[in-house]
């Protein structure tokens, strides 16, 4: 796969604004572990190899267990995730795939049992951010691992 273009170079102001928005979603009450799971799951669903590679490496650097990372794609069948993490993964999936009928009430009520209203909103913004990154990186075929050194991801030992 060959990258199509460097979107950050072509539109640096919009790139900076998206980066600022994305960074703001990490300065919320949602814990880093859940951000990692959300970023990985959305990237899997969207087929974004660049983001999947990046977020698996970030999670590894933060100490996430390899088996949990392998189970993200099958989180419903895995016993490695807490009820809170499961609610966040379900919310990520429904917002990433956004069914024609919208978010089911049953799912919203399940998420409300695990997160506060503020956390639901903050999680929603985090899902929005990763979906934006997935779309731009899929559209322009950003190659996985190309920014490892710049982002310190070479420390993950997964090159």
Protein backbone atom coordinates (compact mmCIF):
# COMPACT_ATOMS: atom_id res chain seq x y z
CA UNK A 1 0.00 0.00 0.00
CA UNK A 2 1.28 3.43 -0.91
CA UNK A 3 0.27 6.58 0.92
CA UNK A 4 -1.78 8.92 -1.25
CA UNK A 5 -0.78 12.25 0.26
CA UNK A 6 0.37 13.93 3.44
CA UNK A 7 -2.85 15.45 4.77
CA UNK A 8 -1.08 17.25 7.63
CA UNK A 9 1.15 19.04 5.16
CA UNK A 10 -1.71 19.89 2.80
CA UNK A 11 -3.93 21.37 5.50
CA UNK A 12 -1.80 22.06 8.59
CA UNK A 13 -4.35 24.27 10.34
CA UNK A 14 -7.13 21.68 10.17
CA UNK A 15 -4.67 18.96 11.21
CA UNK A 16 -3.66 21.02 14.26
CA UNK A 17 -7.30 21.63 15.20
CA UNK A 18 -8.11 17.92 14.98
CA UNK A 19 -5.01 17.10 17.03
CA UNK A 20 -6.00 19.66 19.66
CA UNK A 21 -9.53 18.26 19.82
CA UNK A 22 -8.21 14.71 20.07
CA UNK A 23 -5.76 15.64 22.85
CA UNK A 24 -8.59 17.37 24.75
CA UNK A 25 -10.55 14.10 24.80
CA UNK A 26 -7.67 12.52 26.72
CA UNK A 27 -7.79 15.22 29.42
CA UNK A 28 -11.14 14.03 30.73
CA UNK A 29 -12.44 11.69 33.40
CA UNK A 30 -12.25 8.70 31.05
CA UNK A 31 -9.26 6.59 32.07
CA UNK A 32 -6.38 5.94 29.67
CA UNK A 33 -7.11 2.21 29.56
CA UNK A 34 -10.58 2.88 28.20
CA UNK A 35 -9.23 5.38 25.67
CA UNK A 36 -6.87 2.67 24.46
CA UNK A 37 -9.69 0.12 24.12
CA UNK A 38 -11.93 2.65 22.35
CA UNK A 39 -9.19 3.66 19.92
CA UNK A 40 -8.29 0.06 19.15
CA UNK A 41 -11.88 -1.11 18.67
CA UNK A 42 -12.94 1.79 16.45
CA UNK A 43 -9.78 1.37 14.38
CA UNK A 44 -10.55 -2.34 13.95
CA UNK A 45 -14.10 -1.60 12.84
CA UNK A 46 -12.94 1.10 10.40
CA UNK A 47 -10.08 -0.97 8.99
CA UNK A 48 -7.51 1.68 9.90
CA UNK A 49 -4.18 -0.13 10.07
CA UNK A 50 -2.26 3.04 10.88
CA UNK A 51 -4.39 3.88 13.94
CA UNK A 52 -4.70 0.27 15.06
CA UNK A 53 -0.92 -0.11 14.97
CA UNK A 54 -0.42 3.19 16.81
CA UNK A 55 -2.93 2.53 19.58
CA UNK A 56 -1.83 -1.04 20.23
CA UNK A 57 1.69 0.30 20.67
CA UNK A 58 0.50 3.11 22.97
CA UNK A 59 -1.44 0.62 25.09
CA UNK A 60 1.58 -1.66 25.25
CA UNK A 61 3.78 1.20 26.43
CA UNK A 62 1.19 2.00 29.13
CA UNK A 63 1.41 -1.61 30.33
CA UNK A 64 -1.70 -3.17 28.82
CA UNK A 65 -1.56 -6.97 28.82
CA UNK A 66 -1.05 -8.53 25.38
CA UNK A 67 -3.89 -11.01 25.85
CA UNK A 68 -6.40 -8.21 26.45
CA UNK A 69 -5.20 -6.50 23.28
CA UNK A 70 -5.78 -9.72 21.35
CA UNK A 71 -9.27 -10.02 22.83
CA UNK A 72 -10.50 -6.53 21.93
CA UNK A 73 -11.94 -7.78 18.63
CA UNK A 74 -13.90 -10.45 20.53
CA UNK A 75 -14.66 -8.50 23.71
CA UNK A 76 -18.20 -9.88 24.00
CA UNK A 77 -16.89 -13.44 24.30
CA UNK A 78 -13.95 -12.55 26.54
CA UNK A 79 -13.97 -12.48 30.33
CA UNK A 80 -11.02 -10.05 30.41
CA UNK A 81 -13.07 -6.84 30.38
CA UNK A 82 -14.95 -5.19 33.23
CA UNK A 83 -18.62 -4.17 32.91
CA UNK A 84 -17.47 -0.54 32.55
CA UNK A 85 -15.07 -1.45 29.73
CA UNK A 86 -17.77 -3.53 28.03
CA UNK A 87 -20.18 -0.60 28.15
CA UNK A 88 -17.54 1.66 26.61
CA UNK A 89 -16.74 -0.85 23.88
CA UNK A 90 -20.45 -1.26 23.06
CA UNK A 91 -20.86 2.54 22.93
CA UNK A 92 -17.81 2.78 20.66
CA UNK A 93 -19.23 0.20 18.29
CA UNK A 94 -22.70 1.73 18.01
CA UNK A 95 -21.33 5.24 17.43
CA UNK A 96 -18.75 4.00 14.93
CA UNK A 97 -21.26 1.97 12.92
CA UNK A 98 -24.24 4.27 13.69
CA UNK A 99 -27.26 2.16 12.74
CA UNK A 100 -30.09 3.76 10.76
CA UNK A 101 -32.40 3.57 13.80
CA UNK A 102 -29.84 5.35 15.99
CA UNK A 103 -28.55 4.29 19.39
CA UNK A 104 -30.87 1.71 20.97
CA UNK A 105 -32.43 2.71 24.31
CA UNK A 106 -31.29 -0.60 25.85
CA UNK A 107 -27.66 0.18 25.08
CA UNK A 108 -27.95 3.75 26.33
CA UNK A 109 -29.45 2.51 29.61
CA UNK A 110 -26.68 -0.11 29.98
CA UNK A 111 -24.02 2.57 29.44
CA UNK A 112 -25.75 4.81 32.01
CA UNK A 113 -25.31 2.10 34.64
CA UNK A 114 -21.53 2.25 34.17
CA UNK A 115 -20.78 5.90 33.37
CA UNK A 116 -21.95 9.26 34.62
CA UNK A 117 -23.64 11.65 32.21
CA UNK A 118 -20.42 13.63 31.94
CA UNK A 119 -18.44 10.46 31.21
CA UNK A 120 -20.91 9.44 28.50
CA UNK A 121 -20.44 12.80 26.81
CA UNK A 122 -16.64 12.63 27.16
CA UNK A 123 -16.59 9.07 25.82
CA UNK A 124 -18.72 10.19 22.88
CA UNK A 125 -16.21 12.91 22.03
CA UNK A 126 -13.37 10.36 22.28
CA UNK A 127 -15.21 8.07 19.85
CA UNK A 128 -15.75 11.02 17.52
CA UNK A 129 -12.03 11.84 17.60
CA UNK A 130 -10.79 8.35 16.77
CA UNK A 131 -13.36 8.00 14.00
CA UNK A 132 -12.11 11.25 12.47
CA UNK A 133 -8.52 10.02 12.58
CA UNK A 134 -9.54 6.65 11.14
CA UNK A 135 -11.32 8.27 8.25
CA UNK A 136 -8.49 10.58 7.27
CA UNK A 137 -5.86 7.85 7.58
CA UNK A 138 -7.92 5.32 5.61
CA UNK A 139 -8.73 7.90 2.92
CA UNK A 140 -5.10 8.80 2.37
CA UNK A 141 -3.63 5.35 3.12
CA UNK A 142 -1.28 6.42 5.87
CA UNK A 143 1.18 3.59 6.37
CA UNK A 144 1.30 1.85 9.73
CA UNK A 145 4.45 2.48 11.72
CA UNK A 146 5.66 5.44 9.67
CA UNK A 147 5.48 7.83 12.63
CA UNK A 148 6.64 5.46 15.37
CA UNK A 149 9.85 7.29 16.09
CA UNK A 150 8.21 10.74 16.03
CA UNK A 151 5.54 9.61 18.56
CA UNK A 152 7.89 7.52 20.70
CA UNK A 153 6.09 4.33 19.74
CA UNK A 154 9.33 2.55 18.94
CA UNK A 155 9.56 2.04 22.73
CA UNK A 156 6.75 -0.52 22.48
CA UNK A 157 9.16 -3.06 21.02
CA UNK A 158 6.62 -4.10 18.41
CA UNK A 159 8.31 -2.93 15.22
